[in-house]
Amino acid sequence: MRGKDQQLQPEAAELVATVLEREQLSSAAKTAIPRRPLSRTQLVVLWSLRIYVLFMIAVVIYQVWAATQQ
């Protein structure tokens, strides 16, 4: 078996592209991309946005509930 870090030669890559179907080729071309480490400021902003979204969901649910009570 070939290791993950080895590349196909150009002729072999062309052969693979002609033999595989479209879906198979797209799944064969996918590579895992590692997560980017975030700074502390970026993490704070993301968590603030998450909390804001949860708060707004609660506000909308309350508004819908209050409108149905009238």
N, C-alpha and C. Protein backbone atom coordinates (compact mmCIF):
# COMPACT_ATOMS: atom_id res chain seq x y z
N MET A 1 0.84 -1.19 0.00
CA MET A 1 0.00 0.00 0.00
C MET A 1 0.88 1.25 0.00
N ARG A 2 0.35 2.30 -0.56
CA ARG A 2 1.07 3.55 -0.65
C ARG A 2 0.81 4.37 0.62
N GLY A 3 1.84 5.07 1.10
CA GLY A 3 1.67 5.92 2.27
C GLY A 3 0.88 7.16 1.92
N LYS A 4 0.38 7.86 2.95
CA LYS A 4 -0.44 9.04 2.72
C LYS A 4 0.35 10.18 2.10
N ASP A 5 1.66 10.24 2.38
CA ASP A 5 2.44 11.36 1.91
C ASP A 5 2.97 11.17 0.49
N GLN A 6 2.74 10.03 -0.13
CA GLN A 6 3.21 9.80 -1.49
C GLN A 6 2.18 10.32 -2.49
N GLN A 7 2.69 10.91 -3.57
CA GLN A 7 1.83 11.46 -4.60
C GLN A 7 1.80 10.52 -5.80
N LEU A 8 0.72 10.55 -6.55
CA LEU A 8 0.63 9.79 -7.78
C LEU A 8 1.43 10.48 -8.87
N GLN A 9 2.01 9.70 -9.75
CA GLN A 9 2.70 10.29 -10.89
C GLN A 9 1.62 10.86 -11.82
N PRO A 10 1.98 11.86 -12.64
CA PRO A 10 0.98 12.50 -13.50
C PRO A 10 0.24 11.52 -14.41
N GLU A 11 0.94 10.52 -14.95
CA GLU A 11 0.27 9.55 -15.82
C GLU A 11 -0.74 8.73 -15.03
N ALA A 12 -0.38 8.34 -13.84
CA ALA A 12 -1.29 7.56 -13.00
C ALA A 12 -2.48 8.41 -12.57
N ALA A 13 -2.25 9.69 -12.30
CA ALA A 13 -3.34 10.57 -11.91
C ALA A 13 -4.34 10.72 -13.04
N GLU A 14 -3.86 10.82 -14.28
CA GLU A 14 -4.76 10.91 -15.43
C GLU A 14 -5.57 9.63 -15.58
N LEU A 15 -4.92 8.48 -15.39
CA LEU A 15 -5.60 7.20 -15.49
C LEU A 15 -6.71 7.11 -14.44
N VAL A 16 -6.39 7.52 -13.22
CA VAL A 16 -7.39 7.49 -12.14
C VAL A 16 -8.57 8.39 -12.51
N ALA A 17 -8.29 9.58 -13.04
CA ALA A 17 -9.35 10.53 -13.40
C ALA A 17 -10.24 9.98 -14.50
N THR A 18 -9.70 9.21 -15.42
CA THR A 18 -10.52 8.68 -16.50
C THR A 18 -11.30 7.45 -16.09
N VAL A 19 -10.79 6.69 -15.13
CA VAL A 19 -11.44 5.44 -14.73
C VAL A 19 -12.55 5.68 -13.71
N LEU A 20 -12.32 6.60 -12.77
CA LEU A 20 -13.30 6.82 -11.71
C LEU A 20 -14.49 7.62 -12.20
N GLU A 21 -15.63 7.35 -11.61
CA GLU A 21 -16.82 8.15 -11.90
C GLU A 21 -16.72 9.47 -11.15
N ARG A 22 -17.61 10.39 -11.49
CA ARG A 22 -17.53 11.74 -10.94
C ARG A 22 -17.56 11.75 -9.41
N GLU A 23 -18.48 11.01 -8.80
CA GLU A 23 -18.59 10.99 -7.34
C GLU A 23 -17.36 10.36 -6.69
N GLN A 24 -16.86 9.32 -7.33
CA GLN A 24 -15.69 8.66 -6.78
C GLN A 24 -14.48 9.58 -6.85
N LEU A 25 -14.36 10.32 -7.93
CA LEU A 25 -13.22 11.21 -8.09
C LEU A 25 -13.28 12.34 -7.07
N SER A 26 -14.48 12.88 -6.83
CA SER A 26 -14.58 13.97 -5.86
C SER A 26 -14.27 13.47 -4.45
N SER A 27 -14.69 12.25 -4.12
CA SER A 27 -14.37 11.74 -2.79
C SER A 27 -12.90 11.37 -2.69
N ALA A 28 -12.28 10.98 -3.80
CA ALA A 28 -10.86 10.66 -3.78
C ALA A 28 -10.02 11.92 -3.66
N ALA A 29 -10.54 13.04 -4.12
CA ALA A 29 -9.78 14.29 -4.08
C ALA A 29 -9.87 14.99 -2.73
N LYS A 30 -10.79 14.58 -1.88
CA LYS A 30 -10.95 15.23 -0.58
C LYS A 30 -9.75 14.91 0.30
N THR A 31 -9.25 15.94 0.95
CA THR A 31 -8.17 15.75 1.91
C THR A 31 -8.57 16.41 3.22
N ALA A 32 -8.13 15.85 4.30
CA ALA A 32 -8.46 16.41 5.61
C ALA A 32 -7.64 17.68 5.83
N ILE A 33 -8.33 18.73 6.24
CA ILE A 33 -7.66 19.99 6.54
C ILE A 33 -7.76 20.19 8.05
N PRO A 34 -6.64 20.35 8.72
CA PRO A 34 -6.70 20.50 10.18
C PRO A 34 -7.32 21.83 10.57
N ARG A 35 -7.86 21.87 11.77
CA ARG A 35 -8.46 23.10 12.27
C ARG A 35 -7.37 24.14 12.53
N ARG A 36 -7.74 25.38 12.29
CA ARG A 36 -6.81 26.47 12.52
C ARG A 36 -6.89 26.86 13.99
N PRO A 37 -5.76 27.00 14.66
CA PRO A 37 -5.82 27.44 16.05
C PRO A 37 -6.30 28.89 16.13
N LEU A 38 -7.23 29.14 17.02
CA LEU A 38 -7.80 30.48 17.15
C LEU A 38 -7.18 31.21 18.33
N SER A 39 -7.09 32.52 18.17
CA SER A 39 -6.56 33.33 19.27
C SER A 39 -7.63 33.47 20.35
N ARG A 40 -7.22 33.98 21.49
CA ARG A 40 -8.16 34.15 22.60
C ARG A 40 -9.28 35.12 22.22
N THR A 41 -8.92 36.19 21.51
CA THR A 41 -9.92 37.17 21.09
C THR A 41 -10.95 36.55 20.15
N GLN A 42 -10.50 35.75 19.22
CA GLN A 42 -11.41 35.09 18.29
C GLN A 42 -12.34 34.14 19.02
N LEU A 43 -11.82 33.41 20.00
CA LEU A 43 -12.67 32.50 20.78
C LEU A 43 -13.72 33.27 21.57
N VAL A 44 -13.34 34.40 22.14
CA VAL A 44 -14.29 35.22 22.90
C VAL A 44 -15.40 35.72 21.97
N VAL A 45 -15.03 36.17 20.77
CA VAL A 45 -16.03 36.66 19.82
C VAL A 45 -16.97 35.53 19.43
N LEU A 46 -16.44 34.36 19.13
CA LEU A 46 -17.30 33.24 18.73
C LEU A 46 -18.25 32.83 19.85
N TRP A 47 -17.76 32.75 21.08
CA TRP A 47 -18.63 32.39 22.20
C TRP A 47 -19.67 33.47 22.46
N SER A 48 -19.29 34.73 22.28
CA SER A 48 -20.26 35.82 22.44
C SER A 48 -21.37 35.70 21.40
N LEU A 49 -21.01 35.38 20.18
CA LEU A 49 -22.03 35.20 19.14
C LEU A 49 -22.94 34.02 19.45
N ARG A 50 -22.39 32.94 19.97
CA ARG A 50 -23.21 31.79 20.33
C ARG A 50 -24.22 32.16 21.41
N ILE A 51 -23.74 32.88 22.42
CA ILE A 51 -24.63 33.29 23.51
C ILE A 51 -25.70 34.24 22.98
N TYR A 52 -25.32 35.17 22.09
CA TYR A 52 -26.27 36.10 21.50
C TYR A 52 -27.35 35.36 20.73
N VAL A 53 -26.95 34.36 19.95
CA VAL A 53 -27.93 33.59 19.16
C VAL A 53 -28.90 32.87 20.09
N LEU A 54 -28.40 32.26 21.15
CA LEU A 54 -29.28 31.58 22.10
C LEU A 54 -30.24 32.57 22.77
N PHE A 55 -29.73 33.75 23.13
CA PHE A 55 -30.58 34.77 23.72
C PHE A 55 -31.67 35.21 22.75
N MET A 56 -31.32 35.42 21.50
CA MET A 56 -32.30 35.85 20.50
C MET A 56 -33.33 34.77 20.22
N ILE A 57 -32.92 33.51 20.26
CA ILE A 57 -33.89 32.42 20.10
C ILE A 57 -34.90 32.46 21.24
N ALA A 58 -34.41 32.70 22.46
CA ALA A 58 -35.31 32.80 23.61
C ALA A 58 -36.26 33.99 23.44
N VAL A 59 -35.77 35.11 22.95
CA VAL A 59 -36.62 36.29 22.74
C VAL A 59 -37.71 35.99 21.72
N VAL A 60 -37.35 35.34 20.63
CA VAL A 60 -38.33 35.01 19.59
C VAL A 60 -39.37 34.05 20.13
N ILE A 61 -38.94 33.04 20.87
CA ILE A 61 -39.89 32.09 21.45
C ILE A 61 -40.84 32.81 22.40
N TYR A 62 -40.31 33.72 23.22
CA TYR A 62 -41.17 34.48 24.13
C TYR A 62 -42.16 35.35 23.36
N GLN A 63 -41.71 36.00 22.31
CA GLN A 63 -42.58 36.86 21.52
C GLN A 63 -43.71 36.06 20.86
N VAL A 64 -43.37 34.88 20.37
CA VAL A 64 -44.40 34.03 19.77
C VAL A 64 -45.39 33.58 20.84
N TRP A 65 -44.88 33.19 21.99
CA TRP A 65 -45.75 32.77 23.09
C TRP A 65 -46.65 33.92 23.55
N ALA A 66 -46.07 35.13 23.70
CA ALA A 66 -46.84 36.29 24.13
C ALA A 66 -47.90 36.66 23.11
N ALA A 67 -47.59 36.52 21.83
CA ALA A 67 -48.58 36.85 20.79
C ALA A 67 -49.73 35.86 20.80
N THR A 68 -49.48 34.62 21.14
CA THR A 68 -50.55 33.62 21.16
C THR A 68 -51.42 33.75 22.40
N GLN A 69 -50.95 34.44 23.43
CA GLN A 69 -51.72 34.59 24.66
C GLN A 69 -52.75 35.70 24.58
N GLN A 70 -52.67 36.54 23.59
CA GLN A 70 -53.62 37.67 23.48
C GLN A 70 -54.90 37.27 22.84
